mmCIF file of all heavy atoms, coordinates in Angstrom:
data_MODEL
# 
_entry.id   MODEL 
# 
loop_
_atom_site.group_PDB 
_atom_site.id 
_atom_site.type_symbol 
_atom_site.label_atom_id 
_atom_site.label_alt_id 
_atom_site.label_comp_id 
_atom_site.label_asym_id 
_atom_site.label_entity_id 
_atom_site.label_seq_id 
_atom_site.pdbx_PDB_ins_code 
_atom_site.Cartn_x 
_atom_site.Cartn_y 
_atom_site.Cartn_z 
_atom_site.occupancy 
_atom_site.B_iso_or_equiv 
_atom_site.pdbx_formal_charge 
_atom_site.auth_seq_id 
_atom_site.auth_comp_id 
_atom_site.auth_asym_id 
_atom_site.auth_atom_id 
_atom_site.pdbx_PDB_model_num 
ATOM 1   N N   . ASP A 1 1  ? 100.341 105.038 88.694  1.00 0.00 ? 1  ASP A N   1 
ATOM 2   C CA  . ASP A 1 1  ? 100.588 106.503 88.315  1.00 0.00 ? 1  ASP A CA  1 
ATOM 3   C C   . ASP A 1 1  ? 101.773 107.069 89.096  1.00 0.00 ? 1  ASP A C   1 
ATOM 4   O O   . ASP A 1 1  ? 101.789 108.265 89.178  1.00 0.00 ? 1  ASP A O   1 
ATOM 5   C CB  . ASP A 1 1  ? 99.318  107.309 88.510  1.00 0.00 ? 1  ASP A CB  1 
ATOM 6   C CG  . ASP A 1 1  ? 98.235  106.922 87.503  1.00 0.00 ? 1  ASP A CG  1 
ATOM 7   O OD1 . ASP A 1 1  ? 98.544  106.597 86.381  1.00 0.00 ? 1  ASP A OD1 1 
ATOM 8   O OD2 . ASP A 1 1  ? 97.082  106.941 87.870  1.00 0.00 ? 1  ASP A OD2 1 
ATOM 9   N N   . TRP A 1 2  ? 102.709 106.260 89.506  1.00 0.00 ? 2  TRP A N   1 
ATOM 10  C CA  . TRP A 1 2  ? 103.807 106.745 90.215  1.00 0.00 ? 2  TRP A CA  1 
ATOM 11  C C   . TRP A 1 2  ? 104.759 107.477 89.177  1.00 0.00 ? 2  TRP A C   1 
ATOM 12  O O   . TRP A 1 2  ? 104.770 107.057 88.072  1.00 0.00 ? 2  TRP A O   1 
ATOM 13  C CB  . TRP A 1 2  ? 104.595 105.655 90.852  1.00 0.00 ? 2  TRP A CB  1 
ATOM 14  C CG  . TRP A 1 2  ? 104.090 105.412 92.284  1.00 0.00 ? 2  TRP A CG  1 
ATOM 15  C CD1 . TRP A 1 2  ? 102.928 105.640 92.850  1.00 0.00 ? 2  TRP A CD1 1 
ATOM 16  C CD2 . TRP A 1 2  ? 104.874 104.633 93.318  1.00 0.00 ? 2  TRP A CD2 1 
ATOM 17  N NE1 . TRP A 1 2  ? 102.819 105.140 94.071  1.00 0.00 ? 2  TRP A NE1 1 
ATOM 18  C CE2 . TRP A 1 2  ? 104.042 104.516 94.428  1.00 0.00 ? 2  TRP A CE2 1 
ATOM 19  C CE3 . TRP A 1 2  ? 106.070 104.046 93.337  1.00 0.00 ? 2  TRP A CE3 1 
ATOM 20  C CZ2 . TRP A 1 2  ? 104.385 103.858 95.487  1.00 0.00 ? 2  TRP A CZ2 1 
ATOM 21  C CZ3 . TRP A 1 2  ? 106.479 103.459 94.515  1.00 0.00 ? 2  TRP A CZ3 1 
ATOM 22  C CH2 . TRP A 1 2  ? 105.632 103.365 95.508  1.00 0.00 ? 2  TRP A CH2 1 
ATOM 23  N N   . ASP A 1 3  ? 105.505 108.432 89.618  1.00 0.00 ? 3  ASP A N   1 
ATOM 24  C CA  . ASP A 1 3  ? 106.508 108.994 88.792  1.00 0.00 ? 3  ASP A CA  1 
ATOM 25  C C   . ASP A 1 3  ? 107.493 107.830 88.362  1.00 0.00 ? 3  ASP A C   1 
ATOM 26  O O   . ASP A 1 3  ? 107.913 107.050 89.248  1.00 0.00 ? 3  ASP A O   1 
ATOM 27  C CB  . ASP A 1 3  ? 107.278 110.052 89.606  1.00 0.00 ? 3  ASP A CB  1 
ATOM 28  C CG  . ASP A 1 3  ? 108.467 110.644 88.848  1.00 0.00 ? 3  ASP A CG  1 
ATOM 29  O OD1 . ASP A 1 3  ? 108.224 111.618 88.112  1.00 0.00 ? 3  ASP A OD1 1 
ATOM 30  O OD2 . ASP A 1 3  ? 109.560 110.138 89.096  1.00 0.00 ? 3  ASP A OD2 1 
ATOM 31  N N   . GLU A 1 4  ? 107.953 107.768 87.238  1.00 0.00 ? 4  GLU A N   1 
ATOM 32  C CA  . GLU A 1 4  ? 108.709 106.747 86.687  1.00 0.00 ? 4  GLU A CA  1 
ATOM 33  C C   . GLU A 1 4  ? 110.063 106.518 87.396  1.00 0.00 ? 4  GLU A C   1 
ATOM 34  O O   . GLU A 1 4  ? 110.515 105.462 87.711  1.00 0.00 ? 4  GLU A O   1 
ATOM 35  C CB  . GLU A 1 4  ? 108.967 106.780 85.157  1.00 0.00 ? 4  GLU A CB  1 
ATOM 36  C CG  . GLU A 1 4  ? 107.740 106.608 84.345  1.00 0.00 ? 4  GLU A CG  1 
ATOM 37  C CD  . GLU A 1 4  ? 108.045 106.560 82.871  1.00 0.00 ? 4  GLU A CD  1 
ATOM 38  O OE1 . GLU A 1 4  ? 109.096 106.760 82.463  1.00 0.00 ? 4  GLU A OE1 1 
ATOM 39  O OE2 . GLU A 1 4  ? 107.011 106.369 82.087  1.00 0.00 ? 4  GLU A OE2 1 
ATOM 40  N N   . ALA A 1 5  ? 110.690 107.624 87.714  1.00 0.00 ? 5  ALA A N   1 
ATOM 41  C CA  . ALA A 1 5  ? 111.991 107.589 88.442  1.00 0.00 ? 5  ALA A CA  1 
ATOM 42  C C   . ALA A 1 5  ? 111.709 106.951 89.877  1.00 0.00 ? 5  ALA A C   1 
ATOM 43  O O   . ALA A 1 5  ? 112.507 106.089 90.294  1.00 0.00 ? 5  ALA A O   1 
ATOM 44  C CB  . ALA A 1 5  ? 112.527 109.015 88.645  1.00 0.00 ? 5  ALA A CB  1 
ATOM 45  N N   . LYS A 1 6  ? 110.622 107.334 90.544  1.00 0.00 ? 6  LYS A N   1 
ATOM 46  C CA  . LYS A 1 6  ? 110.350 106.714 91.815  1.00 0.00 ? 6  LYS A CA  1 
ATOM 47  C C   . LYS A 1 6  ? 110.029 105.227 91.701  1.00 0.00 ? 6  LYS A C   1 
ATOM 48  O O   . LYS A 1 6  ? 110.351 104.380 92.586  1.00 0.00 ? 6  LYS A O   1 
ATOM 49  C CB  . LYS A 1 6  ? 109.136 107.508 92.424  1.00 0.00 ? 6  LYS A CB  1 
ATOM 50  C CG  . LYS A 1 6  ? 108.923 107.026 93.850  1.00 0.00 ? 6  LYS A CG  1 
ATOM 51  C CD  . LYS A 1 6  ? 107.898 107.897 94.538  1.00 0.00 ? 6  LYS A CD  1 
ATOM 52  C CE  . LYS A 1 6  ? 107.582 107.520 95.946  1.00 0.00 ? 6  LYS A CE  1 
ATOM 53  N NZ  . LYS A 1 6  ? 106.577 108.399 96.620  1.00 0.00 ? 6  LYS A NZ  1 
ATOM 54  N N   . MET A 1 7  ? 109.242 104.870 90.662  1.00 0.00 ? 7  MET A N   1 
ATOM 55  C CA  . MET A 1 7  ? 108.960 103.528 90.468  1.00 0.00 ? 7  MET A CA  1 
ATOM 56  C C   . MET A 1 7  ? 110.221 102.681 90.218  1.00 0.00 ? 7  MET A C   1 
ATOM 57  O O   . MET A 1 7  ? 110.362 101.629 90.700  1.00 0.00 ? 7  MET A O   1 
ATOM 58  C CB  . MET A 1 7  ? 108.021 103.318 89.295  1.00 0.00 ? 7  MET A CB  1 
ATOM 59  C CG  . MET A 1 7  ? 107.450 101.960 89.101  1.00 0.00 ? 7  MET A CG  1 
ATOM 60  S SD  . MET A 1 7  ? 106.394 101.609 90.552  1.00 0.00 ? 7  MET A SD  1 
ATOM 61  C CE  . MET A 1 7  ? 106.787 99.771  90.709  1.00 0.00 ? 7  MET A CE  1 
ATOM 62  N N   . ALA A 1 8  ? 111.140 103.250 89.397  1.00 0.00 ? 8  ALA A N   1 
ATOM 63  C CA  . ALA A 1 8  ? 112.384 102.515 89.194  1.00 0.00 ? 8  ALA A CA  1 
ATOM 64  C C   . ALA A 1 8  ? 113.113 102.335 90.469  1.00 0.00 ? 8  ALA A C   1 
ATOM 65  O O   . ALA A 1 8  ? 113.774 101.214 90.655  1.00 0.00 ? 8  ALA A O   1 
ATOM 66  C CB  . ALA A 1 8  ? 113.238 103.348 88.213  1.00 0.00 ? 8  ALA A CB  1 
ATOM 67  N N   . LEU A 1 9  ? 113.240 103.346 91.299  1.00 0.00 ? 9  LEU A N   1 
ATOM 68  C CA  . LEU A 1 9  ? 113.923 103.194 92.586  1.00 0.00 ? 9  LEU A CA  1 
ATOM 69  C C   . LEU A 1 9  ? 113.298 102.180 93.442  1.00 0.00 ? 9  LEU A C   1 
ATOM 70  O O   . LEU A 1 9  ? 113.998 101.322 94.101  1.00 0.00 ? 9  LEU A O   1 
ATOM 71  C CB  . LEU A 1 9  ? 113.967 104.543 93.318  1.00 0.00 ? 9  LEU A CB  1 
ATOM 72  C CG  . LEU A 1 9  ? 114.780 105.585 92.754  1.00 0.00 ? 9  LEU A CG  1 
ATOM 73  C CD1 . LEU A 1 9  ? 114.524 106.930 93.375  1.00 0.00 ? 9  LEU A CD1 1 
ATOM 74  C CD2 . LEU A 1 9  ? 116.306 105.296 92.840  1.00 0.00 ? 9  LEU A CD2 1 
ATOM 75  N N   . GLU A 1 10 ? 111.951 102.091 93.455  1.00 0.00 ? 10 GLU A N   1 
ATOM 76  C CA  . GLU A 1 10 ? 111.250 101.135 94.308  1.00 0.00 ? 10 GLU A CA  1 
ATOM 77  C C   . GLU A 1 10 ? 111.548 99.695  93.819  1.00 0.00 ? 10 GLU A C   1 
ATOM 78  O O   . GLU A 1 10 ? 111.843 98.776  94.479  1.00 0.00 ? 10 GLU A O   1 
ATOM 79  C CB  . GLU A 1 10 ? 109.778 101.404 94.148  1.00 0.00 ? 10 GLU A CB  1 
ATOM 80  C CG  . GLU A 1 10 ? 108.878 100.327 94.893  1.00 0.00 ? 10 GLU A CG  1 
ATOM 81  C CD  . GLU A 1 10 ? 108.924 100.615 96.412  1.00 0.00 ? 10 GLU A CD  1 
ATOM 82  O OE1 . GLU A 1 10 ? 109.308 101.709 96.903  1.00 0.00 ? 10 GLU A OE1 1 
ATOM 83  O OE2 . GLU A 1 10 ? 108.317 99.851  97.132  1.00 0.00 ? 10 GLU A OE2 1 
ATOM 84  N N   . ILE A 1 11 ? 111.521 99.484  92.426  1.00 0.00 ? 11 ILE A N   1 
ATOM 85  C CA  . ILE A 1 11 ? 111.878 98.124  91.945  1.00 0.00 ? 11 ILE A CA  1 
ATOM 86  C C   . ILE A 1 11 ? 113.381 97.730  92.242  1.00 0.00 ? 11 ILE A C   1 
ATOM 87  O O   . ILE A 1 11 ? 113.574 96.542  92.712  1.00 0.00 ? 11 ILE A O   1 
ATOM 88  C CB  . ILE A 1 11 ? 111.534 98.038  90.458  1.00 0.00 ? 11 ILE A CB  1 
ATOM 89  C CG1 . ILE A 1 11 ? 110.094 98.193  90.229  1.00 0.00 ? 11 ILE A CG1 1 
ATOM 90  C CG2 . ILE A 1 11 ? 112.203 96.882  89.734  1.00 0.00 ? 11 ILE A CG2 1 
ATOM 91  C CD1 . ILE A 1 11 ? 109.654 98.147  88.743  1.00 0.00 ? 11 ILE A CD1 1 
ATOM 92  N N   . LEU A 1 12 ? 114.213 98.635  91.983  1.00 0.00 ? 12 LEU A N   1 
ATOM 93  C CA  . LEU A 1 12 ? 115.658 98.354  92.222  1.00 0.00 ? 12 LEU A CA  1 
ATOM 94  C C   . LEU A 1 12 ? 115.922 98.095  93.670  1.00 0.00 ? 12 LEU A C   1 
ATOM 95  O O   . LEU A 1 12 ? 116.824 97.246  94.044  1.00 0.00 ? 12 LEU A O   1 
ATOM 96  C CB  . LEU A 1 12 ? 116.512 99.504  91.723  1.00 0.00 ? 12 LEU A CB  1 
ATOM 97  C CG  . LEU A 1 12 ? 116.503 99.698  90.177  1.00 0.00 ? 12 LEU A CG  1 
ATOM 98  C CD1 . LEU A 1 12 ? 117.274 100.988 89.863  1.00 0.00 ? 12 LEU A CD1 1 
ATOM 99  C CD2 . LEU A 1 12 ? 117.161 98.567  89.478  1.00 0.00 ? 12 LEU A CD2 1 
ATOM 100 N N   . TRP A 1 13 ? 115.156 98.735  94.586  1.00 0.00 ? 13 TRP A N   1 
ATOM 101 C CA  . TRP A 1 13 ? 115.225 98.562  95.931  1.00 0.00 ? 13 TRP A CA  1 
ATOM 102 C C   . TRP A 1 13 ? 114.798 97.133  96.295  1.00 0.00 ? 13 TRP A C   1 
ATOM 103 O O   . TRP A 1 13 ? 115.438 96.443  97.094  1.00 0.00 ? 13 TRP A O   1 
ATOM 104 C CB  . TRP A 1 13 ? 114.502 99.583  96.696  1.00 0.00 ? 13 TRP A CB  1 
ATOM 105 C CG  . TRP A 1 13 ? 114.394 99.384  98.161  1.00 0.00 ? 13 TRP A CG  1 
ATOM 106 C CD1 . TRP A 1 13 ? 115.358 99.290  99.168  1.00 0.00 ? 13 TRP A CD1 1 
ATOM 107 C CD2 . TRP A 1 13 ? 113.161 99.290  98.966  1.00 0.00 ? 13 TRP A CD2 1 
ATOM 108 N NE1 . TRP A 1 13 ? 114.849 99.065  100.414 1.00 0.00 ? 13 TRP A NE1 1 
ATOM 109 C CE2 . TRP A 1 13 ? 113.483 99.071  100.343 1.00 0.00 ? 13 TRP A CE2 1 
ATOM 110 C CE3 . TRP A 1 13 ? 111.819 99.265  98.655  1.00 0.00 ? 13 TRP A CE3 1 
ATOM 111 C CZ2 . TRP A 1 13 ? 112.508 98.887  101.327 1.00 0.00 ? 13 TRP A CZ2 1 
ATOM 112 C CZ3 . TRP A 1 13 ? 110.831 99.076  99.608  1.00 0.00 ? 13 TRP A CZ3 1 
ATOM 113 C CH2 . TRP A 1 13 ? 111.243 98.871  100.931 1.00 0.00 ? 13 TRP A CH2 1 
ATOM 114 N N   . ARG A 1 14 ? 113.647 96.674  95.810  1.00 0.00 ? 14 ARG A N   1 
ATOM 115 C CA  . ARG A 1 14 ? 113.031 95.439  96.142  1.00 0.00 ? 14 ARG A CA  1 
ATOM 116 C C   . ARG A 1 14 ? 113.876 94.215  95.648  1.00 0.00 ? 14 ARG A C   1 
ATOM 117 O O   . ARG A 1 14 ? 113.977 93.208  96.209  1.00 0.00 ? 14 ARG A O   1 
ATOM 118 C CB  . ARG A 1 14 ? 111.599 95.318  95.675  1.00 0.00 ? 14 ARG A CB  1 
ATOM 119 C CG  . ARG A 1 14 ? 110.589 96.120  96.320  1.00 0.00 ? 14 ARG A CG  1 
ATOM 120 C CD  . ARG A 1 14 ? 109.253 96.071  95.917  1.00 0.00 ? 14 ARG A CD  1 
ATOM 121 N NE  . ARG A 1 14 ? 108.273 96.826  96.772  1.00 0.00 ? 14 ARG A NE  1 
ATOM 122 C CZ  . ARG A 1 14 ? 107.649 96.430  97.711  1.00 0.00 ? 14 ARG A CZ  1 
ATOM 123 N NH1 . ARG A 1 14 ? 107.641 95.077  98.066  1.00 0.00 ? 14 ARG A NH1 1 
ATOM 124 N NH2 . ARG A 1 14 ? 106.853 97.181  98.399  1.00 0.00 ? 14 ARG A NH2 1 
ATOM 125 N N   . ILE A 1 15 ? 114.596 94.488  94.489  1.00 0.00 ? 15 ILE A N   1 
ATOM 126 C CA  . ILE A 1 15 ? 115.445 93.351  94.002  1.00 0.00 ? 15 ILE A CA  1 
ATOM 127 C C   . ILE A 1 15 ? 116.900 93.440  94.537  1.00 0.00 ? 15 ILE A C   1 
ATOM 128 O O   . ILE A 1 15 ? 117.729 92.680  94.098  1.00 0.00 ? 15 ILE A O   1 
ATOM 129 C CB  . ILE A 1 15 ? 115.462 93.306  92.503  1.00 0.00 ? 15 ILE A CB  1 
ATOM 130 C CG1 . ILE A 1 15 ? 116.133 94.560  91.885  1.00 0.00 ? 15 ILE A CG1 1 
ATOM 131 C CG2 . ILE A 1 15 ? 113.973 93.159  91.930  1.00 0.00 ? 15 ILE A CG2 1 
ATOM 132 C CD1 . ILE A 1 15 ? 116.254 94.550  90.276  1.00 0.00 ? 15 ILE A CD1 1 
ATOM 133 N N   . GLY A 1 16 ? 117.131 94.461  95.400  1.00 0.00 ? 16 GLY A N   1 
ATOM 134 C CA  . GLY A 1 16 ? 118.410 94.421  96.113  1.00 0.00 ? 16 GLY A CA  1 
ATOM 135 C C   . GLY A 1 16 ? 119.458 95.183  95.393  1.00 0.00 ? 16 GLY A C   1 
ATOM 136 O O   . GLY A 1 16 ? 120.605 95.220  95.940  1.00 0.00 ? 16 GLY A O   1 
ATOM 137 N N   . GLU A 1 17 ? 119.203 95.793  94.364  1.00 0.00 ? 17 GLU A N   1 
ATOM 138 C CA  . GLU A 1 17 ? 120.391 96.567  93.669  1.00 0.00 ? 17 GLU A CA  1 
ATOM 139 C C   . GLU A 1 17 ? 120.573 97.988  94.374  1.00 0.00 ? 17 GLU A C   1 
ATOM 140 O O   . GLU A 1 17 ? 121.589 98.555  94.214  1.00 0.00 ? 17 GLU A O   1 
ATOM 141 C CB  . GLU A 1 17 ? 120.019 96.751  92.213  1.00 0.00 ? 17 GLU A CB  1 
ATOM 142 C CG  . GLU A 1 17 ? 120.182 95.484  91.419  1.00 0.00 ? 17 GLU A CG  1 
ATOM 143 C CD  . GLU A 1 17 ? 120.062 95.768  89.881  1.00 0.00 ? 17 GLU A CD  1 
ATOM 144 O OE1 . GLU A 1 17 ? 120.460 96.873  89.387  1.00 0.00 ? 17 GLU A OE1 1 
ATOM 145 O OE2 . GLU A 1 17 ? 119.459 94.911  89.219  1.00 0.00 ? 17 GLU A OE2 1 
ATOM 146 N N   . VAL A 1 18 ? 119.518 98.434  94.945  1.00 0.00 ? 18 VAL A N   1 
ATOM 147 C CA  . VAL A 1 18 ? 119.499 99.795  95.562  1.00 0.00 ? 18 VAL A CA  1 
ATOM 148 C C   . VAL A 1 18 ? 119.087 99.580  97.003  1.00 0.00 ? 18 VAL A C   1 
ATOM 149 O O   . VAL A 1 18 ? 118.254 98.754  97.303  1.00 0.00 ? 18 VAL A O   1 
ATOM 150 C CB  . VAL A 1 18 ? 118.522 100.689 94.820  1.00 0.00 ? 18 VAL A CB  1 
ATOM 151 C CG1 . VAL A 1 18 ? 118.046 101.931 95.684  1.00 0.00 ? 18 VAL A CG1 1 
ATOM 152 C CG2 . VAL A 1 18 ? 119.166 101.191 93.542  1.00 0.00 ? 18 VAL A CG2 1 
ATOM 153 N N   . ALA A 1 19 ? 119.661 100.509 97.942  1.00 0.00 ? 19 ALA A N   1 
ATOM 154 C CA  . ALA A 1 19 ? 119.257 100.453 99.281  1.00 0.00 ? 19 ALA A CA  1 
ATOM 155 C C   . ALA A 1 19 ? 118.867 101.897 99.635  1.00 0.00 ? 19 ALA A C   1 
ATOM 156 O O   . ALA A 1 19 ? 119.222 102.878 99.074  1.00 0.00 ? 19 ALA A O   1 
ATOM 157 C CB  . ALA A 1 19 ? 120.405 100.052 100.143 1.00 0.00 ? 19 ALA A CB  1 
ATOM 158 N N   . VAL A 1 20 ? 117.947 101.983 100.689 1.00 0.00 ? 20 VAL A N   1 
ATOM 159 C CA  . VAL A 1 20 ? 117.581 103.301 101.245 1.00 0.00 ? 20 VAL A CA  1 
ATOM 160 C C   . VAL A 1 20 ? 118.807 103.782 102.070 1.00 0.00 ? 20 VAL A C   1 
ATOM 161 O O   . VAL A 1 20 ? 119.281 103.122 103.063 1.00 0.00 ? 20 VAL A O   1 
ATOM 162 C CB  . VAL A 1 20 ? 116.338 103.159 102.162 1.00 0.00 ? 20 VAL A CB  1 
ATOM 163 C CG1 . VAL A 1 20 ? 116.045 104.556 102.746 1.00 0.00 ? 20 VAL A CG1 1 
ATOM 164 C CG2 . VAL A 1 20 ? 115.181 102.782 101.320 1.00 0.00 ? 20 VAL A CG2 1 
ATOM 165 N N   . SER A 1 21 ? 119.293 104.985 101.734 1.00 0.00 ? 21 SER A N   1 
ATOM 166 C CA  . SER A 1 21 ? 120.478 105.509 102.443 1.00 0.00 ? 21 SER A CA  1 
ATOM 167 C C   . SER A 1 21 ? 120.159 106.398 103.471 1.00 0.00 ? 21 SER A C   1 
ATOM 168 O O   . SER A 1 21 ? 121.035 106.877 104.254 1.00 0.00 ? 21 SER A O   1 
ATOM 169 C CB  . SER A 1 21 ? 121.385 106.198 101.421 1.00 0.00 ? 21 SER A CB  1 
ATOM 170 O OG  . SER A 1 21 ? 120.776 107.343 100.766 1.00 0.00 ? 21 SER A OG  1 
ATOM 171 N N   . GLY A 1 22 ? 118.921 106.692 103.631 1.00 0.00 ? 22 GLY A N   1 
ATOM 172 C CA  . GLY A 1 22 ? 118.415 107.604 104.715 1.00 0.00 ? 22 GLY A CA  1 
ATOM 173 C C   . GLY A 1 22 ? 116.998 108.222 104.371 1.00 0.00 ? 22 GLY A C   1 
ATOM 174 O O   . GLY A 1 22 ? 116.480 107.975 103.307 1.00 0.00 ? 22 GLY A O   1 
ATOM 175 N N   . ARG A 1 23 ? 116.452 108.913 105.263 1.00 0.00 ? 23 ARG A N   1 
ATOM 176 C CA  . ARG A 1 23 ? 115.205 109.503 104.988 1.00 0.00 ? 23 ARG A CA  1 
ATOM 177 C C   . ARG A 1 23 ? 115.074 110.762 105.872 1.00 0.00 ? 23 ARG A C   1 
ATOM 178 O O   . ARG A 1 23 ? 115.579 110.833 106.974 1.00 0.00 ? 23 ARG A O   1 
ATOM 179 C CB  . ARG A 1 23 ? 114.036 108.528 105.109 1.00 0.00 ? 23 ARG A CB  1 
ATOM 180 C CG  . ARG A 1 23 ? 113.774 108.080 106.536 1.00 0.00 ? 23 ARG A CG  1 
ATOM 181 C CD  . ARG A 1 23 ? 112.360 107.572 106.764 1.00 0.00 ? 23 ARG A CD  1 
ATOM 182 N NE  . ARG A 1 23 ? 112.112 106.359 105.996 1.00 0.00 ? 23 ARG A NE  1 
ATOM 183 C CZ  . ARG A 1 23 ? 110.929 106.154 105.301 1.00 0.00 ? 23 ARG A CZ  1 
ATOM 184 N NH1 . ARG A 1 23 ? 109.900 106.954 105.365 1.00 0.00 ? 23 ARG A NH1 1 
ATOM 185 N NH2 . ARG A 1 23 ? 110.687 105.034 104.616 1.00 0.00 ? 23 ARG A NH2 1 
ATOM 186 N N   . ARG A 1 24 ? 114.237 111.694 105.378 1.00 0.00 ? 24 ARG A N   1 
ATOM 187 C CA  . ARG A 1 24 ? 113.747 112.799 106.124 1.00 0.00 ? 24 ARG A CA  1 
ATOM 188 C C   . ARG A 1 24 ? 112.241 112.724 106.197 1.00 0.00 ? 24 ARG A C   1 
ATOM 189 O O   . ARG A 1 24 ? 111.596 113.005 105.124 1.00 0.00 ? 24 ARG A O   1 
ATOM 190 C CB  . ARG A 1 24 ? 114.253 114.160 105.592 1.00 0.00 ? 24 ARG A CB  1 
ATOM 191 C CG  . ARG A 1 24 ? 113.683 115.306 106.280 1.00 0.00 ? 24 ARG A CG  1 
ATOM 192 C CD  . ARG A 1 24 ? 114.405 116.626 105.886 1.00 0.00 ? 24 ARG A CD  1 
ATOM 193 N NE  . ARG A 1 24 ? 115.817 116.524 106.255 1.00 0.00 ? 24 ARG A NE  1 
ATOM 194 C CZ  . ARG A 1 24 ? 116.681 117.699 106.022 1.00 0.00 ? 24 ARG A CZ  1 
ATOM 195 N NH1 . ARG A 1 24 ? 116.259 118.667 105.374 1.00 0.00 ? 24 ARG A NH1 1 
ATOM 196 N NH2 . ARG A 1 24 ? 117.960 117.499 106.379 1.00 0.00 ? 24 ARG A NH2 1 
ATOM 197 N N   . GLY A 1 25 ? 111.681 112.451 107.295 1.00 0.00 ? 25 GLY A N   1 
ATOM 198 C CA  . GLY A 1 25 ? 110.213 112.267 107.350 1.00 0.00 ? 25 GLY A CA  1 
ATOM 199 C C   . GLY A 1 25 ? 109.941 111.059 106.477 1.00 0.00 ? 25 GLY A C   1 
ATOM 200 O O   . GLY A 1 25 ? 110.349 109.951 106.746 1.00 0.00 ? 25 GLY A O   1 
ATOM 201 N N   . PHE A 1 26 ? 109.085 111.303 105.474 1.00 0.00 ? 26 PHE A N   1 
ATOM 202 C CA  . PHE A 1 26 ? 108.694 110.198 104.565 1.00 0.00 ? 26 PHE A CA  1 
ATOM 203 C C   . PHE A 1 26 ? 109.355 110.267 103.239 1.00 0.00 ? 26 PHE A C   1 
ATOM 204 O O   . PHE A 1 26 ? 108.940 109.625 102.250 1.00 0.00 ? 26 PHE A O   1 
ATOM 205 C CB  . PHE A 1 26 ? 107.202 110.001 104.490 1.00 0.00 ? 26 PHE A CB  1 
ATOM 206 C CG  . PHE A 1 26 ? 106.671 108.763 105.262 1.00 0.00 ? 26 PHE A CG  1 
ATOM 207 C CD1 . PHE A 1 26 ? 106.695 108.808 106.676 1.00 0.00 ? 26 PHE A CD1 1 
ATOM 208 C CD2 . PHE A 1 26 ? 106.336 107.622 104.568 1.00 0.00 ? 26 PHE A CD2 1 
ATOM 209 C CE1 . PHE A 1 26 ? 106.343 107.749 107.385 1.00 0.00 ? 26 PHE A CE1 1 
ATOM 210 C CE2 . PHE A 1 26 ? 106.031 106.510 105.361 1.00 0.00 ? 26 PHE A CE2 1 
ATOM 211 C CZ  . PHE A 1 26 ? 106.002 106.634 106.735 1.00 0.00 ? 26 PHE A CZ  1 
# 
């Protein structure tokens, strides 16, 4: 039940197409 955009980011991050560029808190 994750928001689809967030799920897409998570998948793209795990397969290495996307990286975390920073965070504020969580």
